[in-house]
Amino acid sequence: MTEATTPAAPQITILDLQNVVKVIDTAAERGAFKGNELSAVGTVRDKVANFLAAIPQEEAPAEEVAPEEVVVEEVAEKPSPRRRAARA
C-alpha cells in the first residue's frame, strides 16, 4: 500500500505582499477601480502596508526583484459613455 502525499500548503512571502501593494498602487494610478470600489481596495492596501511596516527589518528579506521589474500588463480599455461625451 502506498501513502497518499499531501500537497504542500500554499505560501505567501513578504515579497509577495510587497508586490500586492505595488500592483494596487499601479492599478489605482491607472484608474482601474470604480469609485464605489476605492474604499474596499484602499482598506486592503492599507492592511497589507501596515502589516509590512510592522515587520522588523531583520526579518524582512532583501528585495529580490527591483520595483521596476514588477510588470503589470496593460489592458485596452473600452471608453465609457462619459468619456466619449466629454470628448465630443
Protein backbone atom coordinates (compact mmCIF):
# COMPACT_ATOMS: atom_id res chain seq x y z
CA MET A 1 0.00 0.00 0.00
CA THR A 2 1.33 3.49 -0.83
CA GLU A 3 0.69 6.53 1.27
CA ALA A 4 -1.05 9.45 -0.37
CA THR A 5 1.13 12.52 -0.46
CA THR A 6 -0.38 15.65 0.88
CA PRO A 7 0.04 18.72 -1.28
CA ALA A 8 2.24 21.47 0.08
CA ALA A 9 0.41 24.23 1.86
CA PRO A 10 0.17 27.46 -0.14
CA GLN A 11 2.70 30.04 0.99
CA ILE A 12 2.88 33.80 0.71
CA THR A 13 6.16 35.60 1.22
CA ILE A 14 6.91 39.15 2.34
CA LEU A 15 7.97 39.86 -1.23
CA ASP A 16 4.54 38.70 -2.46
CA LEU A 17 2.85 41.13 -0.08
CA GLN A 18 5.13 43.97 -1.18
CA ASN A 19 4.16 43.22 -4.77
CA VAL A 20 0.45 43.25 -3.85
CA VAL A 21 0.81 46.83 -2.58
CA LYS A 22 2.71 47.82 -5.75
CA VAL A 23 0.06 46.27 -8.01
CA ILE A 24 -2.76 48.04 -6.14
CA ASP A 25 -0.89 51.37 -6.36
CA THR A 26 -0.24 50.92 -10.09
CA ALA A 27 -3.83 49.93 -10.79
CA ALA A 28 -5.12 52.93 -8.84
CA GLU A 29 -2.82 55.30 -10.72
CA ARG A 30 -4.17 53.95 -13.99
CA GLY A 31 -7.80 54.35 -12.93
CA ALA A 32 -8.58 50.64 -12.81
CA PHE A 33 -11.06 50.91 -9.94
CA LYS A 34 -14.55 52.38 -9.91
CA GLY A 35 -15.36 54.99 -7.29
CA ASN A 36 -17.51 52.62 -5.26
CA GLU A 37 -14.61 50.11 -5.14
CA LEU A 38 -11.97 52.54 -3.88
CA SER A 39 -12.82 52.22 -0.19
CA ALA A 40 -12.58 48.41 -0.18
CA VAL A 41 -9.39 48.38 -2.25
CA GLY A 42 -7.84 51.07 -0.07
CA THR A 43 -8.70 49.16 3.09
CA VAL A 44 -6.97 46.03 1.82
CA ARG A 45 -3.96 48.03 0.63
CA ASP A 46 -3.64 49.77 3.99
CA LYS A 47 -3.90 46.49 5.93
CA VAL A 48 -1.13 44.89 3.86
CA ALA A 49 1.07 48.01 4.02
CA ASN A 50 0.60 48.29 7.82
CA PHE A 51 1.44 44.60 8.22
CA LEU A 52 4.63 45.07 6.19
CA ALA A 53 5.58 48.17 8.19
CA ALA A 54 5.21 46.22 11.45
CA ILE A 55 7.69 43.53 10.40
CA PRO A 56 11.12 44.10 11.95
CA GLN A 57 13.66 44.91 9.25
CA GLU A 58 15.91 41.97 10.17
CA GLU A 59 13.02 39.59 9.39
CA ALA A 60 12.16 41.23 6.09
CA PRO A 61 14.06 39.59 3.23
CA ALA A 62 16.27 41.64 0.96
CA GLU A 63 14.17 42.58 -2.01
CA GLU A 64 14.78 40.03 -4.72
CA VAL A 65 13.05 41.91 -7.52
CA ALA A 66 13.64 45.57 -8.25
CA PRO A 67 10.41 47.62 -8.28
CA GLU A 68 10.89 48.37 -11.97
CA GLU A 69 10.79 44.64 -12.69
CA VAL A 70 7.24 44.21 -11.42
CA VAL A 71 5.18 44.01 -14.59
CA VAL A 72 1.54 44.93 -14.70
CA GLU A 73 0.02 44.15 -18.05
CA GLU A 74 -2.00 46.97 -19.54
CA VAL A 75 -5.43 46.09 -20.79
CA ALA A 76 -7.01 48.15 -23.53
CA GLU A 77 -9.95 49.93 -22.00
CA LYS A 78 -13.19 50.48 -23.82
CA PRO A 79 -14.11 54.16 -23.42
CA SER A 80 -17.06 54.69 -21.13
CA PRO A 81 -20.04 56.73 -22.38
CA ARG A 82 -18.99 59.57 -20.05
CA ARG A 83 -15.54 59.75 -21.58
CA ARG A 84 -16.94 59.77 -25.08
CA ALA A 85 -19.38 62.53 -24.16
CA ALA A 86 -16.58 64.56 -22.60
CA ARG A 87 -14.50 64.21 -25.75
CA ALA A 88 -17.31 65.22 -28.07
